[in-house]
N, C-alpha and C. Protein backbone atom coordinates (compact mmCIF):
# COMPACT_ATOMS: atom_id res chain seq x y z
N MET A 1 -12.69 52.92 143.54
CA MET A 1 -12.44 51.39 143.43
C MET A 1 -12.70 50.69 142.27
N THR A 2 -11.82 49.64 142.38
CA THR A 2 -12.08 48.71 141.17
C THR A 2 -13.36 47.40 141.87
N ALA A 3 -14.04 46.69 140.99
CA ALA A 3 -14.75 45.86 141.68
C ALA A 3 -13.73 44.48 141.91
N ASP A 4 -12.29 44.53 141.57
CA ASP A 4 -11.19 43.79 142.26
C ASP A 4 -10.76 43.96 143.26
N GLU A 5 -10.74 45.55 143.51
CA GLU A 5 -10.28 45.89 144.70
C GLU A 5 -10.93 46.11 146.13
N LEU A 6 -12.49 46.10 145.60
CA LEU A 6 -13.14 46.04 146.54
C LEU A 6 -13.44 45.10 147.06
N MET A 7 -13.46 43.78 145.91
CA MET A 7 -13.36 42.46 146.85
C MET A 7 -12.62 41.63 147.07
N ALA A 8 -10.90 42.22 147.49
CA ALA A 8 -10.00 42.30 147.77
C ALA A 8 -9.92 42.66 149.37
N GLY A 9 -10.60 44.05 149.25
CA GLY A 9 -10.86 44.70 150.49
C GLY A 9 -11.79 43.96 151.63
N ILE A 10 -12.69 43.34 151.07
CA ILE A 10 -13.58 42.82 151.39
C ILE A 10 -13.07 41.11 152.70
N VAL A 11 -12.47 40.99 151.41
CA VAL A 11 -11.82 39.34 152.10
C VAL A 11 -10.59 39.82 152.85
N SER A 12 -9.78 40.82 152.84
CA SER A 12 -9.05 41.21 154.50
C SER A 12 -9.97 41.64 154.89
N ASP A 13 -10.88 42.17 155.18
CA ASP A 13 -11.68 42.80 156.35
C ASP A 13 -12.25 41.42 156.85
N LEU A 14 -12.73 40.57 156.31
CA LEU A 14 -13.12 38.91 157.26
C LEU A 14 -12.24 37.97 157.15
N GLY A 15 -10.57 38.51 157.20
CA GLY A 15 -9.17 37.90 157.76
C GLY A 15 -8.82 36.88 157.24
N GLY A 16 -8.82 37.05 155.53
CA GLY A 16 -7.69 36.68 154.25
C GLY A 16 -8.60 35.28 153.84
N GLU A 17 -8.33 35.23 152.75
CA GLU A 17 -9.11 34.16 151.49
C GLU A 17 -8.93 32.88 153.09
N SER A 18 -7.80 32.37 153.58
CA SER A 18 -8.02 31.21 154.30
C SER A 18 -9.22 31.15 155.21
N GLU A 19 -9.71 31.99 155.75
CA GLU A 19 -10.52 32.46 157.37
C GLU A 19 -12.12 32.57 156.35
N LEU A 20 -12.14 32.44 154.91
CA LEU A 20 -13.00 32.37 154.29
C LEU A 20 -13.91 30.79 153.94
N SER A 21 -15.57 30.93 154.02
CA SER A 21 -15.97 29.34 153.57
C SER A 21 -16.04 29.57 152.03
N THR A 22 -16.16 28.33 151.28
CA THR A 22 -16.65 28.79 150.22
C THR A 22 -18.06 29.30 149.64
N LEU A 23 -18.83 29.42 150.84
CA LEU A 23 -19.89 30.23 150.60
C LEU A 23 -19.46 31.55 150.38
N GLU A 24 -18.68 32.11 151.18
CA GLU A 24 -18.40 33.50 151.60
C GLU A 24 -17.81 34.07 150.55
N ARG A 25 -16.88 33.19 149.82
CA ARG A 25 -16.09 33.14 148.67
C ARG A 25 -16.88 33.73 147.66
N SER A 26 -17.83 32.79 147.37
CA SER A 26 -18.61 33.14 146.80
C SER A 26 -19.86 34.28 146.71
N TYR A 27 -20.18 34.71 147.47
CA TYR A 27 -20.47 35.61 148.36
C TYR A 27 -19.64 37.01 148.21
N VAL A 28 -18.89 37.07 147.93
CA VAL A 28 -17.62 37.95 147.62
C VAL A 28 -17.62 38.66 146.62
N ARG A 29 -17.69 37.28 145.50
CA ARG A 29 -17.65 37.36 143.90
C ARG A 29 -18.99 38.31 143.83
N LYS A 30 -19.71 37.66 144.26
CA LYS A 30 -21.60 38.33 143.88
C LYS A 30 -21.03 39.62 144.01
N ILE A 31 -20.66 40.01 145.09
CA ILE A 31 -20.48 41.52 145.45
C ILE A 31 -19.65 41.76 144.32
N GLY A 32 -18.71 41.61 144.24
CA GLY A 32 -17.52 42.18 142.77
C GLY A 32 -18.97 42.32 141.56
N ASP A 33 -19.85 41.12 141.31
CA ASP A 33 -20.32 41.36 140.22
C ASP A 33 -21.51 42.26 140.12
N LEU A 34 -21.86 42.32 141.33
CA LEU A 34 -22.98 43.47 141.65
C LEU A 34 -22.54 44.73 141.74
N GLU A 35 -21.38 45.19 141.93
CA GLU A 35 -20.26 46.44 141.88
C GLU A 35 -20.58 46.79 140.70
N ILE A 36 -20.23 45.86 139.63
CA ILE A 36 -19.65 46.17 138.23
C ILE A 36 -21.20 46.45 137.78
N THR A 37 -22.10 45.80 137.46
CA THR A 37 -23.72 45.93 137.60
C THR A 37 -24.54 47.15 137.84
N LEU A 38 -24.22 47.90 139.21
CA LEU A 38 -24.58 48.88 139.60
C LEU A 38 -24.01 50.22 138.95
N ARG A 39 -22.56 49.60 138.36
CA ARG A 39 -22.00 51.03 138.00
C ARG A 39 -22.25 51.40 136.09
N LEU A 40 -22.76 50.09 135.82
CA LEU A 40 -23.38 50.37 134.69
C LEU A 40 -24.71 51.42 134.53
N LEU A 41 -25.24 50.25 135.75
CA LEU A 41 -27.02 50.98 135.73
C LEU A 41 -26.68 52.93 136.05
N THR A 42 -25.59 52.89 136.84
CA THR A 42 -25.49 54.27 137.14
C THR A 42 -25.07 55.48 136.02
N SER A 43 -24.18 54.49 135.51
CA SER A 43 -24.01 55.13 134.04
C SER A 43 -24.49 55.21 133.27
N ALA A 44 -26.15 54.29 132.69
CA ALA A 44 -26.88 54.95 132.06
C ALA A 44 -27.84 55.69 132.28
N ILE A 45 -27.84 55.82 133.58
CA ILE A 45 -28.70 57.03 133.85
C ILE A 45 -27.58 58.08 133.94
N ALA A 46 -26.43 58.27 133.86
CA ALA A 46 -26.23 59.46 133.82
C ALA A 46 -26.09 59.93 132.37
N ARG A 47 -25.95 58.83 131.71
CA ARG A 47 -26.05 59.00 130.32
C ARG A 47 -27.23 59.36 129.67
N ASP A 48 -28.14 58.86 130.15
CA ASP A 48 -29.87 58.44 129.36
C ASP A 48 -30.63 59.76 129.97
N GLY A 49 -30.10 59.83 131.49
CA GLY A 49 -31.61 60.74 132.49
C GLY A 49 -32.19 60.00 132.68
N LEU A 50 -32.82 60.33 134.27
CA LEU A 50 -33.58 59.70 135.28
C LEU A 50 -35.19 59.42 134.50
N ILE A 51 -35.61 60.39 134.06
CA ILE A 51 -36.51 60.59 133.52
C ILE A 51 -36.97 60.37 131.86
N THR A 52 -37.37 59.86 131.72
CA THR A 52 -37.55 59.55 130.21
C THR A 52 -37.99 60.63 129.32
N PRO A 53 -38.42 60.79 128.11
CA PRO A 53 -38.62 62.47 127.38
C PRO A 53 -40.30 62.17 127.38
N GLY A 54 -40.98 60.79 127.52
CA GLY A 54 -42.19 61.18 128.16
C GLY A 54 -42.72 61.37 129.57
N GLY A 55 -41.80 62.00 130.49
CA GLY A 55 -41.87 61.98 132.27
C GLY A 55 -41.67 61.24 133.13
N LYS A 56 -41.71 59.75 132.38
CA LYS A 56 -42.03 58.65 133.54
C LYS A 56 -40.10 58.17 134.32
N VAL A 57 -40.41 57.75 134.97
CA VAL A 57 -38.72 57.13 135.65
C VAL A 57 -38.89 56.37 135.07
N ARG A 58 -36.87 56.27 134.20
CA ARG A 58 -36.54 54.73 133.82
C ARG A 58 -36.87 53.61 134.64
N ASP A 59 -36.91 52.56 133.97
CA ASP A 59 -37.05 51.36 134.46
C ASP A 59 -35.36 50.85 134.80
N THR A 60 -34.26 51.90 134.30
CA THR A 60 -32.94 50.98 134.42
C THR A 60 -32.84 52.11 136.34
N PHE A 61 -33.66 52.92 136.48
CA PHE A 61 -33.52 52.89 138.43
C PHE A 61 -34.14 52.15 138.90
N GLN A 62 -35.34 51.36 138.76
CA GLN A 62 -35.54 50.07 139.51
C GLN A 62 -34.81 49.18 139.46
N ALA A 63 -34.00 48.71 138.69
CA ALA A 63 -33.19 47.97 138.66
C ALA A 63 -31.96 48.10 139.14
N LEU A 64 -31.31 49.38 139.15
CA LEU A 64 -30.32 50.24 140.36
C LEU A 64 -30.75 50.33 142.11
N LEU A 65 -32.54 50.38 141.92
CA LEU A 65 -32.55 49.91 143.39
C LEU A 65 -32.40 48.52 143.83
N ALA A 66 -32.95 48.03 143.08
CA ALA A 66 -32.87 46.29 143.12
C ALA A 66 -31.74 45.92 143.98
N GLY A 67 -30.60 46.78 142.52
CA GLY A 67 -29.35 45.84 143.00
C GLY A 67 -28.61 46.29 144.04
N VAL A 68 -29.13 47.75 144.58
CA VAL A 68 -28.40 47.97 145.50
C VAL A 68 -28.71 47.03 146.59
N ALA A 69 -30.19 46.96 147.09
CA ALA A 69 -30.73 45.75 147.61
C ALA A 69 -30.63 45.05 147.79
N ARG A 70 -29.89 44.28 146.75
CA ARG A 70 -29.69 43.09 146.78
C ARG A 70 -27.46 42.96 147.15
N PHE A 71 -27.12 44.14 146.82
CA PHE A 71 -25.80 44.32 147.39
C PHE A 71 -25.69 44.49 149.14
N ASP A 72 -27.24 44.79 149.57
CA ASP A 72 -27.15 45.07 150.87
C ASP A 72 -27.37 44.11 151.75
N GLY A 73 -28.19 43.30 150.76
CA GLY A 73 -28.92 41.93 151.86
C GLY A 73 -27.03 41.03 151.52
N LEU A 74 -25.92 41.16 150.58
CA LEU A 74 -24.93 40.11 150.55
C LEU A 74 -24.16 40.54 151.46
N ALA A 75 -23.96 42.48 151.22
CA ALA A 75 -23.11 42.37 152.51
C ALA A 75 -23.77 42.19 154.32
N GLN A 76 -24.52 41.88 154.27
CA GLN A 76 -25.11 41.77 155.77
C GLN A 76 -24.62 40.61 156.38
N ARG A 77 -25.15 39.28 154.56
CA ARG A 77 -25.05 38.13 155.26
C ARG A 77 -23.42 38.02 155.03
N LEU A 78 -22.52 39.07 155.24
CA LEU A 78 -20.62 38.57 155.12
C LEU A 78 -20.44 38.87 156.43
N GLY A 79 -21.41 40.25 156.96
CA GLY A 79 -21.28 40.85 157.73
C GLY A 79 -20.30 42.13 157.82
N LEU A 80 -21.07 43.26 158.69
CA LEU A 80 -20.03 44.34 158.77
C LEU A 80 -18.93 44.96 159.57
N LYS A 81 -18.79 43.76 160.13
CA LYS A 81 -17.67 44.11 161.44
C LYS A 81 -16.34 43.42 160.24
N ARG A 82 -15.13 44.13 161.00
CA ARG A 82 -13.84 43.28 160.38
C ARG A 82 -13.57 42.18 161.00
N ARG A 83 -13.19 41.26 160.50
CA ARG A 83 -12.85 40.38 161.78
C ARG A 83 -10.88 40.33 161.67
N PRO A 84 -10.25 40.14 163.17
CA PRO A 84 -9.08 40.05 163.60
C PRO A 84 -8.56 38.86 161.92
N LYS A 85 -7.12 39.39 161.33
CA LYS A 85 -6.44 38.08 160.91
C LYS A 85 -6.22 37.18 161.90
N PRO A 86 -5.83 36.15 161.63
CA PRO A 86 -5.32 35.03 162.47
C PRO A 86 -3.79 34.94 162.94
N THR A 87 -3.31 35.10 164.21
CA THR A 87 -1.55 34.90 164.00
C THR A 87 -1.63 33.88 164.51
N ALA A 88 0.14 33.73 164.60
CA ALA A 88 0.90 32.51 164.95
C ALA A 88 1.03 32.78 166.60
N SER A 89 0.62 31.95 167.34
CA SER A 89 0.76 31.86 168.87
C SER A 89 2.73 31.90 168.80
N LEU A 90 2.56 32.47 170.20
CA LEU A 90 4.06 32.84 170.90
C LEU A 90 5.10 31.52 170.84
N ALA A 91 4.32 30.17 170.83
CA ALA A 91 4.82 28.54 170.89
C ALA A 91 5.41 28.53 169.72
N ASP A 92 4.14 28.76 168.69
CA ASP A 92 4.48 28.55 167.24
C ASP A 92 5.60 29.19 166.67
N VAL A 93 5.95 30.54 166.81
CA VAL A 93 7.09 31.40 166.49
C VAL A 93 8.55 31.02 166.81
N LEU A 94 8.18 30.68 168.20
CA LEU A 94 9.62 30.37 168.99
C LEU A 94 10.12 28.92 168.35
N ALA A 95 8.64 27.73 168.08
CA ALA A 95 9.19 26.99 167.77
C ALA A 95 9.64 27.05 165.72
N ALA A 96 8.90 28.01 164.85
CA ALA A 96 9.83 28.06 163.71
C ALA A 96 11.08 28.86 164.14
N HIS A 97 11.34 29.70 165.18
CA HIS A 97 12.88 30.32 165.27
C HIS A 97 13.85 28.95 165.82
N GLU A 98 13.29 28.57 166.68
CA GLU A 98 14.45 26.76 166.73
C GLU A 98 14.57 25.97 165.80
N ASP A 99 13.62 25.80 164.99
CA ASP A 99 13.62 25.26 163.65
C ASP A 99 14.52 25.82 163.02
N ASP A 100 14.68 26.81 162.47
CA ASP A 100 15.48 27.96 161.92
C ASP A 100 16.68 28.05 162.55
N ALA A 101 17.06 27.77 163.32
CA ALA A 101 18.83 27.79 164.35
C ALA A 101 18.91 26.45 164.11
N ASN A 102 18.05 25.04 164.22
CA ASN A 102 18.48 24.32 163.71
C ASN A 102 18.64 23.75 162.75
N ALA A 103 18.45 24.51 161.49
CA ALA A 103 18.62 24.03 160.28
C ALA A 103 20.18 24.33 159.41
């Protein structure tokens, strides 16, 4: 899943773009940015190894852990439960159908 797919999925889970506040949209973007950063850090660890030639854990690992904690914090702020998408009421559907019939 790409960062854009992740963000689109989060927006969908939260009821759609129209249901998000400005801050929620910003949090979703930040989560996308963090996803990219976490993948880059993971790639660096995979490429260079977790342990330096001197036997110490790479600083990249600490940055990865901090990024995961930040990701989790933003996810918690947005909420982990799906929100229902808004649906039109029966009265709205009937009114729209009546408008179409009269047009």
